[in-house]
C-alpha atoms as a PDB file:
ATOM      1  CA  MET A   1     307.691 -96.351-127.713  1.00  0.00           C
ATOM      2  CA  ALA A   2     309.632 -96.567-124.594  1.00  0.00           C
ATOM      3  CA  ILE A   3     309.627 -99.965-122.653  1.00  0.00           C
ATOM      4  CA  LYS A   4     309.816 -99.877-118.927  1.00  0.00           C
ATOM      5  CA  ALA A   5     310.526-103.346-117.423  1.00  0.00           C
ATOM      6  CA  LYS A   6     311.523-105.121-114.203  1.00  0.00           C
ATOM      7  CA  ILE A   7     313.057-108.539-114.022  1.00  0.00           C
ATOM      8  CA  ARG A   8     312.341-110.227-110.858  1.00  0.00           C
ATOM      9  CA  GLN A   9     314.010-113.336-109.296  1.00  0.00           C
ATOM     10  CA  ALA A  10     311.072-115.522-110.543  1.00  0.00           C
ATOM     11  CA  ASN A  11     312.506-114.837-114.003  1.00  0.00           C
ATOM     12  CA  ARG A  12     309.277-112.901-115.048  1.00  0.00           C
ATOM     13  CA  LEU A  13     309.538-109.736-117.136  1.00  0.00           C
ATOM     14  CA  LYS A  14     306.932-106.980-116.823  1.00  0.00           C
ATOM     15  CA  GLY A  15     306.865-103.894-118.943  1.00  0.00           C
ATOM     16  CA  LYS A  16     305.131-101.019-120.455  1.00  0.00           C
ATOM     17  CA  VAL A  17     305.563 -99.555-123.878  1.00  0.00           C
ATOM     18  CA  GLY A  18     305.482 -95.834-124.563  1.00  0.00           C
ATOM     19  CA  ALA A  19     305.333 -93.711-127.585  1.00  0.00           C
ATOM     20  CA  GLN A  20     309.097 -93.042-128.247  1.00  0.00           C
ATOM     21  CA  GLY A  21     310.077 -96.554-129.699  1.00  0.00           C
ATOM     22  CA  GLU A  22     313.110 -97.156-127.690  1.00  0.00           C
ATOM     23  CA  ILE A  23     314.326 -99.162-124.881  1.00  0.00           C
ATOM     24  CA  VAL A  24     315.986 -97.395-122.025  1.00  0.00           C
ATOM     25  CA  ALA A  25     317.662 -99.069-119.077  1.00  0.00           C
ATOM     26  CA  GLN A  26     317.542 -96.897-116.017  1.00  0.00           C
ATOM     27  CA  THR A  27     318.724 -98.957-113.051  1.00  0.00           C
ATOM     28  CA  VAL A  28     320.805-102.141-112.782  1.00  0.00           C
ATOM     29  CA  LYS A  29     321.263-103.778-109.434  1.00  0.00           C
ATOM     30  CA  VAL A  30     323.731-106.544-108.903  1.00  0.00           C
ATOM     31  CA  GLN A  31     324.167-108.183-105.538  1.00  0.00           C
ATOM     32  CA  ALA A  32     327.770-108.936-105.120  1.00  0.00           C
ATOM     33  CA  GLY A  33     327.515-111.579-102.657  1.00  0.00           C
ATOM     34  CA  GLY A  34     328.498-114.526-104.972  1.00  0.00           C
ATOM     35  CA  LEU A  35     330.486-112.571-107.628  1.00  0.00           C
ATOM     36  CA  SER A  36     334.197-112.780-108.187  1.00  0.00           C
ATOM     37  CA  LEU A  37     336.768-111.272-110.593  1.00  0.00           C
ATOM     38  CA  GLY A  38     336.658-114.370-112.646  1.00  0.00           C
ATOM     39  CA  ASP A  39     332.935-113.933-113.329  1.00  0.00           C
ATOM     40  CA  LEU A  40     333.767-111.050-115.676  1.00  0.00           C
ATOM     41  CA  VAL A  41     333.789-112.166-119.372  1.00  0.00           C
ATOM     42  CA  ASP A  42     337.250-110.542-120.129  1.00  0.00           C
ATOM     43  CA  VAL A  43     339.048-111.905-117.084  1.00  0.00           C
ATOM     44  CA  ASN A  44     340.812-115.375-117.311  1.00  0.00           C
ATOM     45  CA  THR A  45     341.764-116.600-113.858  1.00  0.00           C
ATOM     46  CA  THR A  46     343.242-119.820-114.980  1.00  0.00           C
ATOM     47  CA  GLY A  47     346.298-120.408-112.915  1.00  0.00           C
ATOM     48  CA  THR A  48     345.471-118.174-109.969  1.00  0.00           C
ATOM     49  CA  GLU A  49     347.672-118.891-107.038  1.00  0.00           C
ATOM     50  CA  ASP A  50     349.417-116.903-104.348  1.00  0.00           C
ATOM     51  CA  GLY A  51     351.796-114.270-105.756  1.00  0.00           C
ATOM     52  CA  VAL A  52     350.452-113.921-109.296  1.00  0.00           C
ATOM     53  CA  MET A  53     349.661-110.593-111.102  1.00  0.00           C
ATOM     54  CA  MET A  54     347.134-109.620-113.518  1.00  0.00           C
ATOM     55  CA  ILE A  55     348.100-108.268-117.012  1.00  0.00           C
ATOM     56  CA  TYR A  56     345.981-107.344-120.055  1.00  0.00           C
ATOM     57  CA  ASP A  57     346.684-109.445-123.147  1.00  0.00           C
ATOM     58  CA  GLY A  58     345.722-107.408-126.205  1.00  0.00           C
ATOM     59  CA  THR A  59     346.018-110.516-128.416  1.00  0.00           C
ATOM     60  CA  SER A  60     343.202-112.361-126.743  1.00  0.00           C
ATOM     61  CA  GLY A  61     341.413-109.381-125.319  1.00  0.00           C
ATOM     62  CA  GLU A  62     341.420-110.729-121.813  1.00  0.00           C
ATOM     63  CA  TYR A  63     343.087-109.900-118.416  1.00  0.00           C
ATOM     64  CA  LYS A  64     345.151-112.878-117.387  1.00  0.00           C
ATOM     65  CA  VAL A  65     346.980-113.941-114.223  1.00  0.00           C
ATOM     66  CA  THR A  66     350.814-114.572-114.489  1.00  0.00           C
ATOM     67  CA  LYS A  67     353.795-115.036-112.485  1.00  0.00           C
ATOM     68  CA  GLN A  68     356.155-113.550-114.993  1.00  0.00           C
ATOM     69  CA  ILE A  69     355.541-110.448-117.196  1.00  0.00           C
ATOM     70  CA  GLU A  70     357.195-110.828-120.638  1.00  0.00           C
ATOM     71  CA  ASN A  71     355.874-107.922-122.505  1.00  0.00           C
ATOM     72  CA  GLU A  72     357.961-105.473-124.641  1.00  0.00           C
ATOM     73  CA  ASN A  73     355.215-102.770-124.182  1.00  0.00           C
ATOM     74  CA  LEU A  74     355.588-102.638-120.393  1.00  0.00           C
ATOM     75  CA  THR A  75     357.351-100.116-118.471  1.00  0.00           C
ATOM     76  CA  ILE A  76     357.191-100.175-114.786  1.00  0.00           C
ATOM     77  CA  SER A  77     358.307 -96.993-112.983  1.00  0.00           C
ATOM     78  CA  GLY A  78     358.961 -97.198-109.323  1.00  0.00           C
ATOM     79  CA  GLY A  79     358.987 -93.476-108.754  1.00  0.00           C
ATOM     80  CA  LEU A  80     361.867 -91.307-107.424  1.00  0.00           C
ATOM     81  CA  PHE A  81     363.637 -92.105-104.221  1.00  0.00           C
END
């Protein structure tokens, strides 16, 4: 039983159920007009200001902004000159 559905702006859901018994999402369309990086669930933009960097915090499971990177697991390689 497959379900084929469309969600419209009016918050109505229309669908069809087939014989396979599963739900398959085929297309997801997101209009990016009003989205920002902070809208993602694993991004914490608290403290955002000019000059900050983003780093992943494995303890909290989030990307966070910071002015200072204090992480023993980080290696920055500037390449060869």
